[in-house]
Protein backbone atom coordinates (compact mmCIF):
# COMPACT_ATOMS: atom_id res chain seq x y z
CA MET A 1 -12.40 32.82 26.89
CA GLY A 2 -13.89 32.26 30.41
CA GLY A 3 -13.83 35.49 32.88
CA CYS A 4 -11.68 37.38 30.65
CA ALA A 5 -14.09 37.69 27.73
CA GLN A 6 -16.77 38.60 29.75
CA ASN A 7 -14.89 41.99 30.88
CA ASP A 8 -15.94 44.53 28.43
CA ASN A 9 -14.79 47.78 30.58
CA GLY A 10 -11.43 47.63 30.42
CA GLY A 11 -8.77 46.51 32.78
CA ALA A 12 -5.70 44.10 32.98
CA LEU A 13 -4.75 40.65 31.97
CA GLY A 14 -2.01 39.11 33.22
CA VAL A 15 0.16 36.65 30.80
CA LEU A 16 3.05 34.27 31.78
CA VAL A 17 5.18 32.54 29.76
CA PRO A 18 8.47 30.60 30.27
CA ASP A 19 10.91 32.78 28.40
CA ASN A 20 9.58 35.41 25.75
CA THR A 21 12.43 35.70 23.87
CA ASN A 22 11.45 32.51 22.61
CA PRO A 23 10.17 32.75 19.14
CA TYR A 24 7.05 30.79 19.84
CA ASN A 25 6.07 32.43 22.79
CA ALA A 26 6.70 35.69 21.46
CA LEU A 27 4.06 35.19 18.62
CA VAL A 28 1.81 34.00 21.43
CA LEU A 29 2.31 37.57 23.12
CA LYS A 30 1.82 39.10 19.82
CA GLY A 31 -1.34 37.35 19.45
CA VAL A 32 -2.86 37.98 23.10
CA GLU A 33 -2.01 41.64 22.73
CA ALA A 34 -3.58 42.42 19.53
CA LYS A 35 -7.13 40.62 20.65
CA ALA A 36 -6.53 42.63 23.86
CA GLN A 37 -6.11 45.71 22.15
CA GLU A 38 -9.49 45.13 20.58
CA THR A 39 -11.16 44.04 23.69
CA GLY A 40 -10.06 47.38 25.61
CA HIS A 41 -7.59 45.33 27.46
CA ILE A 42 -3.74 46.36 28.84
CA VAL A 43 -1.65 43.03 28.98
CA ILE A 44 0.94 42.72 31.77
CA ILE A 45 3.46 40.20 30.58
CA ALA A 46 5.99 38.30 33.15
CA ASN A 47 8.61 35.52 32.72
CA THR A 48 8.81 32.64 34.74
CA ASN A 49 12.05 31.32 33.47
CA SER A 50 10.21 27.76 34.05
CA ASP A 51 10.69 28.02 37.73
CA ALA A 52 7.91 26.57 39.67
CA GLU A 53 8.47 29.10 42.68
CA ARG A 54 9.00 31.96 40.76
CA GLU A 55 5.86 31.29 39.11
CA LYS A 56 3.85 30.84 42.16
CA GLU A 57 5.00 34.38 43.23
CA ILE A 58 3.90 35.92 39.86
CA LEU A 59 0.55 34.13 40.55
CA ASN A 60 -0.06 35.46 43.84
CA SER A 61 1.35 39.24 42.44
CA PHE A 62 -1.30 38.91 40.09
CA VAL A 63 -4.35 37.54 42.04
CA SER A 64 -3.45 40.49 44.55
CA MET A 65 -3.74 42.84 41.39
CA LYS A 66 -7.41 41.71 40.73
CA LEU A 67 -7.15 41.82 37.10
CA ALA A 68 -9.57 41.03 34.77
CA GLY A 69 -8.10 36.98 33.96
CA ILE A 70 -4.72 35.54 33.84
CA LEU A 71 -3.51 33.27 30.87
CA SER A 72 -0.42 31.05 31.09
CA ILE A 73 1.94 28.98 29.36
CA PRO A 74 2.30 26.85 32.81
CA THR A 75 5.33 25.52 34.42
CA TRP A 76 4.15 23.73 37.52
CA LEU A 77 0.33 23.04 37.04
CA GLU A 78 0.00 22.65 40.90
CA ASN A 79 0.40 26.38 41.12
CA TYR A 80 -2.89 26.62 39.78
CA CYS A 81 -4.94 23.93 41.21
CA GLU A 82 -6.31 26.26 43.92
CA ARG A 83 -7.07 29.99 42.40
CA ASN A 84 -10.24 31.42 42.28
CA VAL A 85 -9.62 33.51 39.67
CA PRO A 86 -10.39 33.35 35.73
CA PHE A 87 -7.42 31.26 34.05
CA ILE A 88 -6.78 30.18 30.34
CA LEU A 89 -3.90 27.65 30.22
CA MET A 90 -2.09 27.74 26.92
CA SER A 91 0.12 25.60 24.94
CA ARG A 92 1.86 23.30 27.38
CA PHE A 93 -0.95 21.85 28.99
CA PRO A 94 -0.74 18.02 28.53
CA TYR A 95 -3.30 16.46 25.86
CA HIS A 96 -2.64 12.93 25.73
CA GLU A 97 -3.03 9.60 27.88
CA PRO A 98 -1.03 8.32 29.53
CA TYR A 99 0.32 11.45 30.81
CA ILE A 100 -2.82 13.62 32.17
CA SER A 101 -2.81 13.29 35.75
CA ARG A 102 -5.28 13.49 38.67
CA ILE A 103 -4.36 17.35 38.93
CA GLU A 104 -4.46 17.85 35.18
CA HIS A 105 -7.99 16.26 35.27
CA LYS A 106 -8.77 18.64 38.06
CA ILE A 107 -7.49 21.84 36.27
CA ARG A 108 -9.53 20.81 33.25
CA SER A 109 -12.75 20.74 34.75
CA ARG A 110 -12.02 23.99 36.15
CA PHE A 111 -10.22 26.04 33.69
CA SER A 112 -10.24 26.71 29.94
CA TYR A 113 -7.27 25.52 27.85
CA ILE A 114 -5.72 25.97 24.66
CA VAL A 115 -3.48 23.20 23.88
CA ASN A 116 -1.06 21.79 20.89
CA ASP A 117 -1.71 18.51 19.93
CA ASP A 118 1.81 17.50 20.36
CA PHE A 119 1.30 13.58 19.69
CA LEU A 120 -0.66 14.44 16.35
CA GLY A 121 2.10 17.43 15.27
CA GLU A 122 4.79 15.05 15.74
CA TYR A 123 3.14 12.49 14.00
CA MET A 124 2.36 14.71 10.89
CA ALA A 125 5.82 15.64 10.70
CA ALA A 126 7.39 12.34 10.78
CA ALA A 127 4.73 10.86 8.31
CA HIS A 128 5.42 13.98 5.89
CA LEU A 129 9.60 13.15 6.03
CA ILE A 130 8.68 9.24 5.39
CA ARG A 131 6.18 9.85 2.66
CA GLN A 132 8.81 11.72 0.63
CA GLY A 133 11.34 8.94 1.09
CA TYR A 134 13.25 9.31 4.36
CA ARG A 135 13.09 6.67 6.85
CA ASP A 136 16.54 7.19 8.65
CA LEU A 137 14.58 9.47 11.28
CA TYR A 138 16.19 11.29 14.27
CA LEU A 139 14.25 13.30 17.43
CA VAL A 140 15.86 15.93 18.99
CA LEU A 141 13.75 16.77 22.23
CA GLY A 142 14.18 19.10 25.50
CA SER A 143 13.60 17.56 28.77
CA THR A 144 11.74 14.15 28.84
CA ASP A 145 10.81 14.87 32.92
CA LYS A 146 7.54 13.37 33.44
CA SER A 147 7.31 16.13 36.51
CA ASN A 148 7.16 19.38 34.42
CA ALA A 149 4.80 20.40 31.35
CA GLU A 150 8.20 20.83 29.27
CA GLY A 151 8.95 17.23 29.93
CA ILE A 152 5.26 15.65 29.29
CA MET A 153 5.25 17.65 26.27
CA ASN A 154 8.21 15.96 24.57
CA LEU A 155 6.95 12.53 26.01
CA THR A 156 3.80 13.40 24.02
CA ARG A 157 5.40 13.97 20.97
CA MET A 158 7.83 11.37 21.09
CA ASP A 159 4.98 8.80 21.23
CA GLY A 160 3.86 10.84 17.95
CA PHE A 161 7.24 10.03 16.74
CA LYS A 162 6.84 6.45 17.19
CA LYS A 163 3.35 6.23 16.06
CA ALA A 164 4.46 7.29 13.05
CA LEU A 165 7.28 5.15 12.72
CA SER A 166 5.19 2.03 13.50
CA ASP A 167 2.30 3.10 11.24
CA HIS A 168 5.35 3.04 7.79
CA SER A 169 6.63 -0.16 9.27
CA ILE A 170 10.31 1.41 10.32
CA PRO A 171 11.69 -0.35 13.09
CA TYR A 172 12.19 2.21 16.14
CA SER A 173 15.74 2.60 18.38
CA GLU A 174 16.13 4.28 21.34
CA SER A 175 19.48 5.87 19.53
CA HIS A 176 17.24 8.16 17.24
CA ILE A 177 15.72 10.23 20.07
CA LEU A 178 18.51 12.74 21.19
CA SER A 179 16.64 14.14 24.50
CA GLY A 180 17.63 16.30 26.93
CA ILE A 181 18.94 19.17 24.60
CA ASN A 182 18.46 22.45 26.60
CA GLU A 183 19.79 25.54 24.95
CA GLU A 184 19.20 27.65 28.42
CA LYS A 185 21.68 25.51 29.88
CA THR A 186 24.34 25.62 26.71
CA GLY A 187 23.72 28.67 25.25
CA LYS A 188 22.65 28.77 21.46
CA ALA A 189 25.68 29.26 20.50
CA GLY A 190 27.08 26.53 22.56
CA PHE A 191 24.00 24.27 21.57
CA PHE A 192 24.48 25.20 17.69
CA SER A 193 28.56 25.01 17.21
CA GLY A 194 30.12 23.57 20.81
CA LYS A 195 31.66 20.65 21.74
CA LYS A 196 29.09 19.50 23.99
CA ARG A 197 26.25 19.17 21.26
CA PRO A 198 24.62 15.77 20.48
CA SER A 199 25.93 13.43 17.53
CA ILE A 200 23.81 11.10 15.32
CA PRO A 201 26.10 8.05 14.93
CA GLY A 202 28.41 8.13 11.84
CA ARG A 203 26.69 11.71 10.69
CA GLY A 204 27.60 14.19 13.47
CA PHE A 205 25.27 16.62 14.38
CA PRO A 206 22.87 17.86 11.87
CA PHE A 207 21.90 21.37 13.23
CA SER A 208 24.66 23.62 13.22
CA GLY A 209 24.39 26.07 10.56
CA PRO A 210 27.00 26.12 8.27
CA ARG A 211 27.09 22.37 8.48
CA VAL A 212 23.52 22.11 7.38
CA ILE A 213 23.71 24.45 4.72
CA LEU A 214 26.64 22.49 3.19
CA VAL A 215 24.65 19.29 3.52
CA LEU A 216 21.35 20.79 1.97
CA SER A 217 23.61 22.59 -0.91
CA GLN A 218 25.10 19.05 -1.76
CA ASP A 219 21.68 17.05 -1.78
CA LYS A 220 20.61 19.98 -4.12
CA GLU A 221 23.31 19.51 -6.59
CA ARG A 222 22.91 15.82 -6.27
CA ASN A 223 19.23 15.83 -6.22
CA LYS A 224 19.33 18.26 -9.96
CA MET A 225 22.09 15.69 -10.94
CA ASP A 226 19.67 12.47 -10.84
CA HIS A 227 16.79 14.30 -12.07
CA GLU A 228 18.88 14.79 -15.25
CA LEU A 229 19.81 11.19 -15.24
CA MET A 230 16.42 9.94 -14.55
CA SER A 231 14.94 12.05 -17.52
CA ARG A 232 17.57 10.60 -19.86
CA ALA A 233 17.06 7.43 -18.54
CA ILE A 234 13.17 7.80 -18.90
CA ALA A 235 13.88 9.37 -22.37
CA PHE A 236 15.45 6.02 -23.41
CA HIS A 237 13.46 3.82 -21.51
CA GLY A 238 9.77 5.16 -22.30
CA HIS A 239 8.37 5.60 -18.44
CA ARG A 240 9.20 6.75 -15.27
CA CYS A 241 9.30 3.98 -12.61
CA PRO A 242 10.99 2.57 -9.14
CA GLY A 243 12.79 0.09 -11.55
CA LEU A 244 14.49 2.92 -13.43
CA ALA A 245 15.61 4.71 -10.42
CA ILE A 246 17.08 1.23 -9.23
CA GLY A 247 19.06 1.55 -12.18
CA VAL A 248 20.07 4.87 -11.98
CA ARG A 249 21.28 4.64 -8.20
CA ALA A 250 23.03 1.25 -8.99
CA ALA A 251 25.05 3.18 -11.62
CA LEU A 252 25.94 6.58 -9.88
CA GLU A 253 26.88 4.26 -6.94
CA ALA A 254 29.16 2.00 -8.91
CA LYS A 255 30.87 5.18 -10.58
CA ARG A 256 31.64 6.45 -7.10
CA ILE A 257 32.78 2.97 -5.67
CA LEU A 258 34.61 1.75 -8.86
CA GLU A 259 36.17 5.20 -9.49
CA ILE A 260 35.02 5.45 -12.91
CA GLY A 261 35.77 8.65 -14.93
CA GLU A 262 33.65 10.28 -17.41
CA ALA A 263 36.01 9.04 -20.24
CA GLU A 264 36.68 4.84 -19.77
CA PRO A 265 35.22 3.36 -22.89
CA LYS A 266 36.38 -0.02 -22.09
CA GLY A 267 36.94 -2.15 -19.07
CA ILE A 268 34.10 -1.30 -17.33
CA TYR A 269 30.97 -4.22 -16.88
CA CYS A 270 28.04 -5.01 -15.46
CA VAL A 271 26.56 -8.59 -14.70
CA ALA A 272 22.85 -8.05 -13.87
CA GLU A 273 20.81 -11.17 -12.25
CA GLN A 274 17.65 -9.81 -13.45
CA MET A 275 16.26 -8.19 -16.75
CA ALA A 276 14.15 -5.56 -15.91
CA CYS A 277 13.61 -1.56 -16.17
CA PHE A 278 17.06 -0.73 -14.45
CA ILE A 279 19.08 -2.43 -16.92
CA ASP A 280 18.10 0.70 -19.28
CA ALA A 281 19.53 3.21 -16.90
CA ILE A 282 22.44 0.94 -16.45
CA GLN A 283 23.14 1.42 -20.10
CA VAL A 284 22.35 5.27 -20.47
CA ILE A 285 24.73 5.95 -17.28
CA LEU A 286 27.72 3.67 -17.54
CA GLY A 287 27.58 2.72 -21.42
CA CYS A 288 27.42 -1.00 -20.94
CA THR A 289 25.67 -2.95 -23.73
CA ALA A 290 24.95 -6.47 -24.42
CA GLY A 291 26.24 -5.65 -27.97
CA LYS A 292 29.93 -4.40 -26.38
CA GLY A 293 29.91 -7.90 -23.96
CA SER A 294 29.91 -5.05 -21.11
CA LEU A 295 26.37 -5.90 -19.90
CA ILE A 296 26.25 -9.50 -19.11
CA TYR A 297 23.04 -11.52 -18.13
CA ARG A 298 23.20 -14.13 -15.18
CA PRO A 299 19.55 -15.63 -14.99
CA THR A 300 19.24 -16.07 -11.25
CA GLY A 301 15.78 -13.73 -10.97
CA LYS A 302 17.59 -11.53 -8.15
CA CYS A 303 17.85 -8.03 -8.04
CA VAL A 304 21.58 -7.96 -8.30
CA PHE A 305 24.18 -6.04 -9.66
CA SER A 306 27.84 -7.02 -9.95
CA PHE A 307 29.99 -4.12 -11.02
CA PHE A 308 33.57 -4.13 -12.45
CA ASN A 309 36.54 -1.56 -13.63
CA THR A 310 39.08 -4.06 -15.03
CA ASN A 311 41.11 -0.91 -15.39
CA ASN A 312 41.99 -0.38 -11.70
CA GLY A 313 40.66 -4.11 -10.45
CA LYS A 314 37.69 -2.34 -8.52
CA ALA A 315 34.67 -4.21 -8.14
CA VAL A 316 31.35 -4.17 -5.76
CA ARG A 317 28.31 -6.37 -5.79
CA MET A 318 25.05 -4.56 -4.64
CA ALA A 319 21.57 -6.69 -3.84
CA LYS A 320 18.72 -4.54 -3.28
CA LEU A 321 16.79 -4.14 -0.32
CA ASP A 322 13.10 -4.13 0.33
CA ASN A 323 13.20 -0.95 2.43
CA ASP A 324 10.81 1.04 0.18
CA ALA A 325 8.44 -1.77 0.22
CA GLY A 326 5.10 -0.25 0.91
CA LEU A 327 5.61 3.09 -0.62
CA ASP A 328 3.83 4.38 -3.64
CA LYS A 329 5.62 4.99 -7.12
CA GLU A 330 6.92 8.50 -6.46
CA GLU A 331 7.37 8.02 -2.90
CA ALA A 332 9.67 5.06 -4.05
CA ILE A 333 11.75 6.79 -6.53
CA ARG A 334 12.64 9.30 -3.82
CA PHE A 335 13.40 6.85 -1.45
CA ILE A 336 15.76 4.98 -3.76
CA LEU A 337 17.37 8.06 -5.09
CA ASN A 338 17.89 9.79 -1.72
CA GLN A 339 18.45 7.54 0.93
CA PRO A 340 21.66 6.72 2.33
CA LEU A 341 23.24 3.81 0.39
CA GLU A 342 23.01 1.08 2.95
CA GLN A 343 19.33 1.58 2.94
CA VAL A 344 18.77 0.62 -0.37
CA PHE A 345 21.57 -1.79 -1.42
CA SER A 346 23.81 -4.52 0.45
CA LEU A 347 27.07 -4.13 -0.57
CA SER A 348 30.03 -7.22 -0.96
CA SER A 349 32.22 -8.41 -3.09
CA PRO A 350 31.25 -10.17 -6.61
CA THR A 351 30.60 -14.04 -6.38
CA ILE A 352 31.91 -14.43 -10.20
CA PRO A 353 34.89 -13.20 -11.84
CA ALA A 354 35.44 -9.78 -14.18
CA PRO A 355 34.13 -10.62 -17.42
CA ALA A 356 36.65 -10.66 -20.44
CA TYR A 357 36.34 -7.63 -22.83
CA ALA A 358 33.77 -8.00 -25.49
CA PRO A 359 34.49 -12.07 -25.94
CA ARG A 360 33.93 -13.56 -28.98
CA GLY A 361 33.81 -17.30 -29.54
CA ALA A 362 33.64 -19.63 -32.50
CA ALA A 363 30.70 -20.37 -34.29
CA MET A 364 29.66 -23.12 -36.09
CA ALA A 365 26.43 -24.50 -38.21
CA CYS A 366 23.81 -26.50 -36.36
CA ALA A 367 23.75 -29.70 -37.81
CA LEU A 368 20.04 -30.29 -38.35
CA CYS A 369 18.98 -26.91 -38.94
CA GLY A 370 22.17 -25.72 -40.50
CA GLU A 371 22.10 -22.18 -38.78
CA ARG A 372 25.17 -20.41 -37.20
CA THR A 373 25.43 -21.41 -33.73
CA ALA A 374 27.88 -19.99 -31.04
CA GLU A 375 29.80 -22.80 -30.17
CA SER A 376 29.31 -21.99 -26.40
CA MET A 377 25.66 -22.37 -26.97
CA LEU A 378 25.77 -25.97 -28.92
CA ARG A 379 24.74 -28.82 -27.29
CA VAL A 380 25.62 -32.84 -28.62
CA LYS A 381 22.82 -34.79 -30.05
CA ASP A 382 23.17 -38.42 -31.33
CA GLY A 383 27.06 -37.37 -31.74
CA LYS A 384 26.48 -34.31 -33.63
CA PRO A 385 26.61 -30.87 -32.68
CA VAL A 386 22.79 -28.98 -32.72
CA CYS A 387 21.67 -25.78 -31.42
CA LEU A 388 19.38 -25.49 -28.03
CA GLU A 389 16.13 -24.88 -30.12
CA CYS A 390 16.97 -28.28 -32.23
CA ALA A 391 18.04 -30.31 -28.72
CA GLY A 392 14.75 -29.35 -27.48
CA LEU A 393 16.04 -27.28 -24.74
CA ILE A 394 14.06 -23.90 -25.53
């Protein structure tokens, strides 16, 4: 703690903060005062209001008071360069290249400092959200002006955010950085509910109190429903897996897009182009089955589903995207169930016509084995109708 810790005979400590009403700064001050009480120091607190000239004036006053030491969350680092008093710089001191300037290197060699690792902190926050299955992330920042400590701190955080996206193979877009947000200029009421609040394309501003509560409430209800449906699908299928989650999400979105009611026993069809775990979830949620002719296999090998509601003529084709590639099992399940639809499937109109309800074709006996076979599956061999096996095709 430099000169501050060496004074055991009482005295005063000067503390400079940009704004003591800021919750973070208030916690820092609380910790400083608690430790100062243990060591027999009193604390003199001054607000700089993030103003370099005001900070310089306060520093001059503190130096003239011959304090035991000065602790500061700095605004303008040059104010501290030539001071011959014990300083501890806190929190806003830049930590990562390329933002460490000649002045900062000089200060590091002379003073003690306690800093947040803003790069690592933002990296960990973004990586945590990605592990939970979220990939459409936005970062809201204040100033990114390289000439002041706050701007450098935010640039460092931005770098951590970008690194997390890169390490998880998520493309970075400048539109996902909302910078220049300043509560001091807009006022907290204006920041959270005013007309000037920033917006996320297609989503509005996500931080207003009522709207956040509403979104979280909706997500909570949907997640509860998804969990119940997953449980039903697991009971039918036999295990929990991303494939089953694909079927749950596809069936839920089909119900929404095709406006399928809870009691529509007929007229709902699914044409699946690959047979895998998701088929069982579709059967559980939509009631489509092969026996009823409403679950039809079209063997292209693609993770593609075409859904039809012949009661109202609505239809949609869903093709699974690979945005969950690289995630582990549970991360992939959360991603599939919780991400925006456009991150999970690409949507288009079906390339095939709607099936007829429970088609029942004629059947006849194979001329070779004698077993009854659907006419659509018969082939002609030596002028006689034969099944696929007898025709040597399977």
